[in-house]
Amino acid sequence: GVLVLVLVLVLVLVLVLVLVLGVGMGNVFAPAIASATFGVEPRDSGVASAMVNTTQQVGGSVGLALLSTIAASATPSYGEGQRPTPGLMAEAAAHGFTTAFYVGAGVLLLGAALVAAILPSVKVAPEAAHAAA
């Protein structure tokens, strides 16, 4: 009874979080591609879009490798000098992942600050917006 209820609640939580993630990614990637290819000649739009996609893939791979390295480096230092027990090893793994998540959050905040500071705002005239549609 209680175990089934807990399992259902966990699955509902995961479903809600996946839906939020999907909506968030949909609201980020489409404008990002549009911004990255803004002002590109129509004949070059395929190449520009491919470069943005490639850059996203390489950036994600490099970012994952760096965060994995940070987590792997922080994990053994957590229980240094202590007798390894299953509980300590679990805490050390959580410490490594938490450290990597904090570093990732810091990088995201830095990136958001840079985007806000560097990218200019572009206002589209109402006539131009209707002509483009």
N, C-alpha and C. Protein backbone atom coordinates (compact mmCIF):
# COMPACT_ATOMS: atom_id res chain seq x y z
N GLY A 1 0.78 -1.18 0.00
CA GLY A 1 0.00 0.00 0.00
C GLY A 1 0.83 1.26 0.00
N VAL A 2 1.63 1.46 1.08
CA VAL A 2 2.41 2.69 1.20
C VAL A 2 3.52 2.72 0.16
N LEU A 3 4.13 1.58 -0.10
CA LEU A 3 5.20 1.52 -1.11
C LEU A 3 4.67 1.88 -2.49
N VAL A 4 3.50 1.40 -2.83
CA VAL A 4 2.90 1.71 -4.12
C VAL A 4 2.58 3.21 -4.21
N LEU A 5 2.08 3.79 -3.12
CA LEU A 5 1.78 5.21 -3.09
C LEU A 5 3.04 6.05 -3.28
N VAL A 6 4.10 5.65 -2.60
CA VAL A 6 5.38 6.38 -2.73
C VAL A 6 5.89 6.26 -4.16
N LEU A 7 5.81 5.06 -4.74
CA LEU A 7 6.26 4.86 -6.12
C LEU A 7 5.46 5.71 -7.09
N VAL A 8 4.14 5.76 -6.92
CA VAL A 8 3.30 6.57 -7.79
C VAL A 8 3.64 8.05 -7.64
N LEU A 9 3.86 8.51 -6.42
CA LEU A 9 4.21 9.91 -6.20
C LEU A 9 5.55 10.26 -6.84
N VAL A 10 6.51 9.36 -6.73
CA VAL A 10 7.81 9.59 -7.36
C VAL A 10 7.66 9.66 -8.88
N LEU A 11 6.87 8.75 -9.44
CA LEU A 11 6.68 8.76 -10.89
C LEU A 11 5.95 10.02 -11.35
N VAL A 12 4.97 10.48 -10.58
CA VAL A 12 4.28 11.73 -10.92
C VAL A 12 5.25 12.90 -10.84
N LEU A 13 6.10 12.92 -9.81
CA LEU A 13 7.10 13.99 -9.69
C LEU A 13 8.05 13.98 -10.89
N VAL A 14 8.50 12.81 -11.27
CA VAL A 14 9.40 12.71 -12.43
C VAL A 14 8.69 13.19 -13.69
N LEU A 15 7.43 12.81 -13.87
CA LEU A 15 6.67 13.24 -15.04
C LEU A 15 6.54 14.76 -15.07
N VAL A 16 6.22 15.37 -13.94
CA VAL A 16 6.08 16.82 -13.88
C VAL A 16 7.42 17.49 -14.20
N LEU A 17 8.50 16.98 -13.64
CA LEU A 17 9.81 17.59 -13.89
C LEU A 17 10.23 17.43 -15.35
N VAL A 18 9.93 16.30 -15.96
CA VAL A 18 10.26 16.09 -17.38
C VAL A 18 9.43 17.04 -18.25
N LEU A 19 8.17 17.24 -17.90
CA LEU A 19 7.34 18.17 -18.66
C LEU A 19 7.87 19.60 -18.54
N VAL A 20 8.26 20.01 -17.34
CA VAL A 20 8.83 21.35 -17.14
C VAL A 20 10.13 21.48 -17.94
N LEU A 21 10.95 20.45 -17.91
CA LEU A 21 12.19 20.46 -18.68
C LEU A 21 11.91 20.60 -20.17
N GLY A 22 10.93 19.86 -20.68
CA GLY A 22 10.59 19.94 -22.10
C GLY A 22 10.09 21.31 -22.50
N VAL A 23 9.23 21.90 -21.69
CA VAL A 23 8.73 23.25 -21.99
C VAL A 23 9.88 24.26 -21.95
N GLY A 24 10.73 24.12 -20.94
CA GLY A 24 11.87 25.04 -20.82
C GLY A 24 12.83 24.93 -22.00
N MET A 25 13.15 23.70 -22.38
CA MET A 25 14.07 23.51 -23.51
C MET A 25 13.45 24.02 -24.80
N GLY A 26 12.15 23.80 -24.98
CA GLY A 26 11.48 24.31 -26.17
C GLY A 26 11.47 25.82 -26.23
N ASN A 27 11.38 26.45 -25.06
CA ASN A 27 11.38 27.92 -25.01
C ASN A 27 12.78 28.51 -25.08
N VAL A 28 13.80 27.69 -24.97
CA VAL A 28 15.18 28.19 -25.04
C VAL A 28 15.80 27.92 -26.40
N PHE A 29 15.68 26.69 -26.90
CA PHE A 29 16.41 26.33 -28.11
C PHE A 29 15.89 27.03 -29.36
N ALA A 30 14.59 27.15 -29.51
CA ALA A 30 14.07 27.81 -30.71
C ALA A 30 14.52 29.28 -30.79
N PRO A 31 14.38 30.07 -29.73
CA PRO A 31 14.89 31.45 -29.81
C PRO A 31 16.42 31.50 -29.95
N ALA A 32 17.11 30.53 -29.38
CA ALA A 32 18.57 30.53 -29.50
C ALA A 32 18.99 30.31 -30.95
N ILE A 33 18.36 29.37 -31.63
CA ILE A 33 18.66 29.14 -33.05
C ILE A 33 18.28 30.36 -33.87
N ALA A 34 17.11 30.94 -33.56
CA ALA A 34 16.67 32.13 -34.30
C ALA A 34 17.63 33.29 -34.10
N SER A 35 18.10 33.47 -32.88
CA SER A 35 19.05 34.56 -32.60
C SER A 35 20.40 34.31 -33.27
N ALA A 36 20.84 33.06 -33.24
CA ALA A 36 22.15 32.74 -33.81
C ALA A 36 22.16 32.87 -35.33
N THR A 37 21.02 32.66 -35.97
CA THR A 37 20.98 32.74 -37.43
C THR A 37 20.35 34.05 -37.92
N PHE A 38 20.07 34.96 -37.00
CA PHE A 38 19.47 36.25 -37.37
C PHE A 38 20.43 37.03 -38.26
N GLY A 39 19.94 37.55 -39.34
CA GLY A 39 20.75 38.37 -40.24
C GLY A 39 21.57 37.58 -41.23
N VAL A 40 21.47 36.27 -41.23
CA VAL A 40 22.21 35.44 -42.18
C VAL A 40 21.46 35.42 -43.50
N GLU A 41 22.18 35.51 -44.58
CA GLU A 41 21.58 35.45 -45.91
C GLU A 41 20.82 34.13 -46.06
N PRO A 42 19.68 34.16 -46.72
CA PRO A 42 18.90 32.92 -46.88
C PRO A 42 19.70 31.78 -47.50
N ARG A 43 20.59 32.09 -48.44
CA ARG A 43 21.38 31.02 -49.07
C ARG A 43 22.37 30.39 -48.11
N ASP A 44 22.72 31.09 -47.02
CA ASP A 44 23.67 30.57 -46.03
C ASP A 44 22.98 30.06 -44.76
N SER A 45 21.67 30.06 -44.74
CA SER A 45 20.96 29.70 -43.51
C SER A 45 21.17 28.25 -43.12
N GLY A 46 21.30 27.35 -44.08
CA GLY A 46 21.54 25.94 -43.76
C GLY A 46 22.89 25.74 -43.09
N VAL A 47 23.91 26.39 -43.61
CA VAL A 47 25.25 26.29 -43.03
C VAL A 47 25.28 26.92 -41.63
N ALA A 48 24.63 28.07 -41.50
CA ALA A 48 24.60 28.74 -40.19
C ALA A 48 23.89 27.88 -39.15
N SER A 49 22.77 27.30 -39.52
CA SER A 49 22.04 26.44 -38.61
C SER A 49 22.86 25.20 -38.25
N ALA A 50 23.55 24.64 -39.21
CA ALA A 50 24.39 23.47 -38.94
C ALA A 50 25.54 23.82 -38.00
N MET A 51 26.12 25.00 -38.16
CA MET A 51 27.20 25.42 -37.27
C MET A 51 26.69 25.61 -35.84
N VAL A 52 25.50 26.18 -35.69
CA VAL A 52 24.92 26.35 -34.36
C VAL A 52 24.68 24.98 -33.73
N ASN A 53 24.12 24.05 -34.49
CA ASN A 53 23.86 22.71 -33.98
C ASN A 53 25.16 22.02 -33.58
N THR A 54 26.18 22.11 -34.43
CA THR A 54 27.47 21.49 -34.13
C THR A 54 28.09 22.10 -32.88
N THR A 55 28.01 23.42 -32.77
CA THR A 55 28.57 24.09 -31.60
C THR A 55 27.85 23.67 -30.33
N GLN A 56 26.53 23.51 -30.39
CA GLN A 56 25.77 23.04 -29.22
C GLN A 56 26.20 21.63 -28.83
N GLN A 57 26.38 20.75 -29.81
CA GLN A 57 26.76 19.38 -29.52
C GLN A 57 28.16 19.30 -28.91
N VAL A 58 29.11 20.02 -29.51
CA VAL A 58 30.48 20.01 -28.99
C VAL A 58 30.53 20.65 -27.61
N GLY A 59 29.82 21.76 -27.44
CA GLY A 59 29.79 22.42 -26.13
C GLY A 59 29.20 21.53 -25.06
N GLY A 60 28.14 20.81 -25.39
CA GLY A 60 27.55 19.88 -24.43
C GLY A 60 28.49 18.75 -24.08
N SER A 61 29.21 18.23 -25.06
CA SER A 61 30.17 17.15 -24.81
C SER A 61 31.33 17.60 -23.95
N VAL A 62 31.87 18.76 -24.27
CA VAL A 62 33.00 19.29 -23.49
C VAL A 62 32.54 19.64 -22.07
N GLY A 63 31.35 20.25 -21.96
CA GLY A 63 30.83 20.59 -20.64
C GLY A 63 30.60 19.36 -19.78
N LEU A 64 30.03 18.31 -20.37
CA LEU A 64 29.80 17.07 -19.62
C LEU A 64 31.13 16.45 -19.19
N ALA A 65 32.12 16.47 -20.08
CA ALA A 65 33.43 15.91 -19.73
C ALA A 65 34.06 16.70 -18.58
N LEU A 66 33.97 18.02 -18.62
CA LEU A 66 34.55 18.84 -17.55
C LEU A 66 33.83 18.63 -16.22
N LEU A 67 32.50 18.60 -16.25
CA LEU A 67 31.75 18.39 -15.01
C LEU A 67 31.97 16.99 -14.45
N SER A 68 32.11 16.00 -15.32
CA SER A 68 32.42 14.64 -14.86
C SER A 68 33.80 14.60 -14.21
N THR A 69 34.74 15.32 -14.78
CA THR A 69 36.09 15.37 -14.21
C THR A 69 36.07 16.05 -12.85
N ILE A 70 35.30 17.13 -12.72
CA ILE A 70 35.18 17.82 -11.44
C ILE A 70 34.57 16.90 -10.40
N ALA A 71 33.50 16.19 -10.77
CA ALA A 71 32.86 15.26 -9.83
C ALA A 71 33.82 14.13 -9.44
N ALA A 72 34.53 13.61 -10.42
CA ALA A 72 35.47 12.51 -10.13
C ALA A 72 36.64 12.98 -9.27
N SER A 73 37.02 14.24 -9.38
CA SER A 73 38.11 14.77 -8.56
C SER A 73 37.65 15.09 -7.15
N ALA A 74 36.40 15.56 -7.00
CA ALA A 74 35.90 15.93 -5.67
C ALA A 74 35.50 14.72 -4.85
N THR A 75 35.15 13.62 -5.48
CA THR A 75 34.66 12.45 -4.75
C THR A 75 35.71 11.83 -3.83
N PRO A 76 36.92 11.53 -4.30
CA PRO A 76 37.88 10.87 -3.39
C PRO A 76 38.37 11.78 -2.26
N SER A 77 38.35 13.08 -2.46
CA SER A 77 38.84 13.98 -1.43
C SER A 77 37.89 14.08 -0.25
N TYR A 78 36.64 13.66 -0.42
CA TYR A 78 35.64 13.80 0.64
C TYR A 78 35.97 12.94 1.85
N GLY A 79 36.29 11.69 1.63
CA GLY A 79 36.52 10.78 2.75
C GLY A 79 37.98 10.48 3.00
N GLU A 80 38.84 11.38 2.61
CA GLU A 80 40.28 11.16 2.74
C GLU A 80 40.67 10.95 4.20
N GLY A 81 41.41 9.89 4.46
CA GLY A 81 41.88 9.61 5.80
C GLY A 81 40.89 8.83 6.65
N GLN A 82 39.74 8.49 6.09
CA GLN A 82 38.74 7.73 6.84
C GLN A 82 38.63 6.32 6.26
N ARG A 83 38.14 5.41 7.10
CA ARG A 83 37.94 4.04 6.64
C ARG A 83 36.77 4.01 5.66
N PRO A 84 36.98 3.44 4.46
CA PRO A 84 35.89 3.42 3.47
C PRO A 84 34.77 2.47 3.89
N THR A 85 33.61 3.02 4.05
CA THR A 85 32.40 2.23 4.34
C THR A 85 31.40 2.53 3.23
N PRO A 86 30.40 1.69 3.06
CA PRO A 86 29.40 1.99 2.02
C PRO A 86 28.72 3.35 2.22
N GLY A 87 28.45 3.71 3.46
CA GLY A 87 27.83 5.01 3.73
C GLY A 87 28.74 6.16 3.35
N LEU A 88 30.03 6.05 3.71
CA LEU A 88 30.99 7.10 3.37
C LEU A 88 31.16 7.21 1.86
N MET A 89 31.17 6.07 1.18
CA MET A 89 31.33 6.10 -0.28
C MET A 89 30.11 6.76 -0.94
N ALA A 90 28.92 6.50 -0.40
CA ALA A 90 27.72 7.15 -0.95
C ALA A 90 27.77 8.65 -0.69
N GLU A 91 28.19 9.05 0.50
CA GLU A 91 28.31 10.48 0.80
C GLU A 91 29.37 11.15 -0.08
N ALA A 92 30.46 10.45 -0.33
CA ALA A 92 31.52 11.00 -1.19
C ALA A 92 31.02 11.18 -2.62
N ALA A 93 30.25 10.21 -3.12
CA ALA A 93 29.69 10.35 -4.48
C ALA A 93 28.72 11.52 -4.54
N ALA A 94 27.88 11.66 -3.51
CA ALA A 94 26.95 12.80 -3.47
C ALA A 94 27.72 14.11 -3.40
N HIS A 95 28.81 14.13 -2.65
CA HIS A 95 29.64 15.35 -2.57
C HIS A 95 30.24 15.69 -3.93
N GLY A 96 30.73 14.69 -4.65
CA GLY A 96 31.31 14.94 -5.97
C GLY A 96 30.29 15.49 -6.95
N PHE A 97 29.09 14.88 -6.97
CA PHE A 97 28.05 15.36 -7.88
C PHE A 97 27.56 16.76 -7.48
N THR A 98 27.44 16.99 -6.17
CA THR A 98 27.00 18.31 -5.70
C THR A 98 28.01 19.38 -6.10
N THR A 99 29.27 19.07 -5.96
CA THR A 99 30.32 20.02 -6.36
C THR A 99 30.22 20.33 -7.85
N ALA A 100 30.03 19.29 -8.66
CA ALA A 100 29.91 19.49 -10.11
C ALA A 100 28.66 20.31 -10.44
N PHE A 101 27.54 20.05 -9.74
CA PHE A 101 26.32 20.82 -9.99
C PHE A 101 26.52 22.29 -9.62
N TYR A 102 27.21 22.57 -8.52
CA TYR A 102 27.46 23.96 -8.14
C TYR A 102 28.35 24.66 -9.17
N VAL A 103 29.36 23.97 -9.66
CA VAL A 103 30.22 24.55 -10.69
C VAL A 103 29.41 24.80 -11.95
N GLY A 104 28.57 23.84 -12.34
CA GLY A 104 27.72 24.01 -13.52
C GLY A 104 26.76 25.18 -13.36
N ALA A 105 26.17 25.33 -12.17
CA ALA A 105 25.27 26.45 -11.92
C ALA A 105 26.01 27.78 -12.00
N GLY A 106 27.24 27.81 -11.49
CA GLY A 106 28.05 29.02 -11.57
C GLY A 106 28.37 29.39 -13.01
N VAL A 107 28.69 28.39 -13.81
CA VAL A 107 28.99 28.64 -15.23
C VAL A 107 27.73 29.16 -15.94
N LEU A 108 26.57 28.58 -15.63
CA LEU A 108 25.32 29.05 -16.24
C LEU A 108 25.02 30.49 -15.84
N LEU A 109 25.22 30.83 -14.58
CA LEU A 109 24.98 32.21 -14.14
C LEU A 109 25.95 33.18 -14.81
N LEU A 110 27.21 32.77 -14.93
CA LEU A 110 28.19 33.60 -15.62
C LEU A 110 27.80 33.79 -17.09
N GLY A 111 27.37 32.71 -17.73
CA GLY A 111 26.93 32.80 -19.13
C GLY A 111 25.72 33.71 -19.28
N ALA A 112 24.76 33.61 -18.35
CA ALA A 112 23.59 34.48 -18.41
C ALA A 112 23.98 35.95 -18.24
N ALA A 113 24.91 36.22 -17.34
CA ALA A 113 25.37 37.59 -17.14
C ALA A 113 26.08 38.11 -18.38
N LEU A 114 26.90 37.27 -19.01
CA LEU A 114 27.60 37.68 -20.23
C LEU A 114 26.62 37.95 -21.37
N VAL A 115 25.63 37.09 -21.51
CA VAL A 115 24.63 37.29 -22.57
C VAL A 115 23.87 38.59 -22.32
N ALA A 116 23.48 38.84 -21.09
CA ALA A 116 22.75 40.07 -20.77
C ALA A 116 23.60 41.31 -21.03
N ALA A 117 24.91 41.19 -20.78
CA ALA A 117 25.79 42.35 -20.94
C ALA A 117 26.23 42.57 -22.39
N ILE A 118 26.40 41.49 -23.14
CA ILE A 118 27.02 41.60 -24.47
C ILE A 118 26.00 41.69 -25.60
N LEU A 119 24.97 40.84 -25.57
CA LEU A 119 24.04 40.81 -26.70
C LEU A 119 23.15 42.04 -26.71
N PRO A 120 23.08 42.70 -27.85
CA PRO A 120 22.21 43.87 -27.93
C PRO A 120 20.75 43.45 -28.10
N SER A 121 19.87 44.30 -27.63
CA SER A 121 18.44 44.07 -27.85
C SER A 121 18.11 44.56 -29.25
N VAL A 122 17.26 43.83 -29.93
CA VAL A 122 16.85 44.21 -31.28
C VAL A 122 15.34 44.39 -31.26
N LYS A 123 14.93 45.57 -31.67
CA LYS A 123 13.48 45.82 -31.77
C LYS A 123 13.11 45.74 -33.24
N VAL A 124 12.06 44.96 -33.49
CA VAL A 124 11.58 44.80 -34.85
C VAL A 124 10.35 45.68 -35.01
N ALA A 125 10.35 46.47 -36.06
CA ALA A 125 9.21 47.33 -36.33
C ALA A 125 7.99 46.47 -36.61
N PRO A 126 6.80 46.91 -36.22
CA PRO A 126 5.59 46.10 -36.44
C PRO A 126 5.38 45.71 -37.90
N GLU A 127 5.69 46.59 -38.83
CA GLU A 127 5.51 46.29 -40.25
C GLU A 127 6.47 45.17 -40.67
N ALA A 128 7.71 45.23 -40.19
CA ALA A 128 8.70 44.23 -40.55
C ALA A 128 8.33 42.88 -39.97
N ALA A 129 7.75 42.88 -38.77
CA ALA A 129 7.36 41.61 -38.15
C ALA A 129 6.26 40.93 -38.94
N HIS A 130 5.30 41.71 -39.47
CA HIS A 130 4.23 41.12 -40.28
C HIS A 130 4.73 40.70 -41.65
N ALA A 131 5.69 41.42 -42.19
CA ALA A 131 6.23 41.08 -43.50
C ALA A 131 7.04 39.80 -43.43
N ALA A 132 7.73 39.58 -42.29
CA ALA A 132 8.55 38.37 -42.14
C ALA A 132 7.69 37.14 -41.95
N ALA A 133 6.49 37.29 -41.43
CA ALA A 133 5.61 36.14 -41.16
C ALA A 133 4.90 35.65 -42.37
